[in-house]
Amino acid sequence: MPKFLEDKLRAEYGNNPNAIYGTLNKIGAMRGNKETPKGAAMERKHDAKVGHPHANLGKYLHPKKGK
């Protein structure tokens, strides 16, 4: 399931699983408790857009490689 979307919905609806998973089912990201191809595509697009969280930290993560 699209984890980023689940986190956004959890922030909006609190810990109400009916609202969270009902919304994911309604938009087609999930069907029951299974992720749909649409949900997997949403997750891939989000990951590509956001990128790796440590991509630009260079010398801070690896001081010897930052020279």
C-alpha atoms as a PDB file:
ATOM      1  CA  MET A   1       0.000   0.000   0.000  1.00  0.00           C
ATOM      2  CA  PRO A   2       1.197   3.550  -0.529  1.00  0.00           C
ATOM      3  CA  LYS A   3       2.874   4.208   2.815  1.00  0.00           C
ATOM      4  CA  PHE A   4       3.193   7.956   2.194  1.00  0.00           C
ATOM      5  CA  LEU A   5      -0.536   8.200   1.560  1.00  0.00           C
ATOM      6  CA  GLU A   6      -1.375   6.091   4.583  1.00  0.00           C
ATOM      7  CA  ASP A   7       0.757   8.420   6.742  1.00  0.00           C
ATOM      8  CA  LYS A   8      -1.014  11.508   5.349  1.00  0.00           C
ATOM      9  CA  LEU A   9      -4.413   9.980   6.012  1.00  0.00           C
ATOM     10  CA  ARG A  10      -3.366   8.922   9.511  1.00  0.00           C
ATOM     11  CA  ALA A  11      -2.301  12.517  10.235  1.00  0.00           C
ATOM     12  CA  GLU A  12      -5.661  13.778   8.990  1.00  0.00           C
ATOM     13  CA  TYR A  13      -8.004  11.179  10.509  1.00  0.00           C
ATOM     14  CA  GLY A  14      -6.017  10.143  13.569  1.00  0.00           C
ATOM     15  CA  ASN A  15      -5.987   6.453  14.337  1.00  0.00           C
ATOM     16  CA  ASN A  16      -9.319   5.671  12.638  1.00  0.00           C
ATOM     17  CA  PRO A  17      -8.631   2.601  10.458  1.00  0.00           C
ATOM     18  CA  ASN A  18     -12.072   2.736   8.834  1.00  0.00           C
ATOM     19  CA  ALA A  19     -11.402   6.216   7.477  1.00  0.00           C
ATOM     20  CA  ILE A  20      -7.810   5.464   6.434  1.00  0.00           C
ATOM     21  CA  TYR A  21      -8.302   2.135   4.685  1.00  0.00           C
ATOM     22  CA  GLY A  22     -11.774   3.058   3.449  1.00  0.00           C
ATOM     23  CA  THR A  23     -10.272   6.038   1.641  1.00  0.00           C
ATOM     24  CA  LEU A  24      -7.453   3.920   0.198  1.00  0.00           C
ATOM     25  CA  ASN A  25     -10.018   1.382  -1.033  1.00  0.00           C
ATOM     26  CA  LYS A  26     -12.256   4.081  -2.474  1.00  0.00           C
ATOM     27  CA  ILE A  27      -9.503   5.743  -4.531  1.00  0.00           C
ATOM     28  CA  GLY A  28      -8.343   2.350  -5.799  1.00  0.00           C
ATOM     29  CA  ALA A  29      -4.948   2.157  -4.097  1.00  0.00           C
ATOM     30  CA  MET A  30      -6.049  -0.964  -2.217  1.00  0.00           C
ATOM     31  CA  ARG A  31      -8.669  -3.649  -2.630  1.00  0.00           C
ATOM     32  CA  GLY A  32      -9.497  -5.063   0.757  1.00  0.00           C
ATOM     33  CA  ASN A  33      -6.137  -5.656   2.415  1.00  0.00           C
ATOM     34  CA  LYS A  34      -4.189  -6.054  -0.859  1.00  0.00           C
ATOM     35  CA  GLU A  35      -2.351  -3.343  -2.744  1.00  0.00           C
ATOM     36  CA  THR A  36      -3.531  -2.782  -6.311  1.00  0.00           C
ATOM     37  CA  PRO A  37      -1.271  -2.006  -9.282  1.00  0.00           C
ATOM     38  CA  LYS A  38      -2.525   1.578  -9.053  1.00  0.00           C
ATOM     39  CA  GLY A  39      -1.350   1.786  -5.429  1.00  0.00           C
ATOM     40  CA  ALA A  40       2.059   0.341  -6.336  1.00  0.00           C
ATOM     41  CA  ALA A  41       2.391   2.871  -9.160  1.00  0.00           C
ATOM     42  CA  MET A  42       1.492   5.699  -6.773  1.00  0.00           C
ATOM     43  CA  GLU A  43       4.218   4.536  -4.377  1.00  0.00           C
ATOM     44  CA  ARG A  44       6.826   4.298  -7.171  1.00  0.00           C
ATOM     45  CA  LYS A  45       5.966   7.775  -8.481  1.00  0.00           C
ATOM     46  CA  HIS A  46       6.169   9.232  -4.984  1.00  0.00           C
ATOM     47  CA  ASP A  47       9.554   7.595  -4.342  1.00  0.00           C
ATOM     48  CA  ALA A  48      10.896   8.864  -7.670  1.00  0.00           C
ATOM     49  CA  LYS A  49       9.663  12.380  -6.947  1.00  0.00           C
ATOM     50  CA  VAL A  50      10.967  12.513  -3.381  1.00  0.00           C
ATOM     51  CA  GLY A  51      14.169  10.606  -4.086  1.00  0.00           C
ATOM     52  CA  HIS A  52      16.591   9.205  -1.588  1.00  0.00           C
ATOM     53  CA  PRO A  53      16.511  11.188   1.661  1.00  0.00           C
ATOM     54  CA  HIS A  54      20.305  11.220   1.994  1.00  0.00           C
ATOM     55  CA  ALA A  55      21.142  11.938  -1.642  1.00  0.00           C
ATOM     56  CA  ASN A  56      22.619  15.415  -1.077  1.00  0.00           C
ATOM     57  CA  LEU A  57      24.382  14.936   2.248  1.00  0.00           C
ATOM     58  CA  GLY A  58      27.694  13.757   0.708  1.00  0.00           C
ATOM     59  CA  LYS A  59      30.454  14.798   3.083  1.00  0.00           C
ATOM     60  CA  TYR A  60      28.171  14.717   6.111  1.00  0.00           C
ATOM     61  CA  LEU A  61      27.482  11.005   5.719  1.00  0.00           C
ATOM     62  CA  HIS A  62      30.952  10.140   4.433  1.00  0.00           C
ATOM     63  CA  PRO A  63      33.520  12.717   5.604  1.00  0.00           C
ATOM     64  CA  LYS A  64      36.370  11.046   3.674  1.00  0.00           C
ATOM     65  CA  LYS A  65      34.390  11.001   0.421  1.00  0.00           C
ATOM     66  CA  GLY A  66      33.400  14.669   0.621  1.00  0.00           C
ATOM     67  CA  LYS A  67      36.827  15.985  -0.341  1.00  0.00           C
END
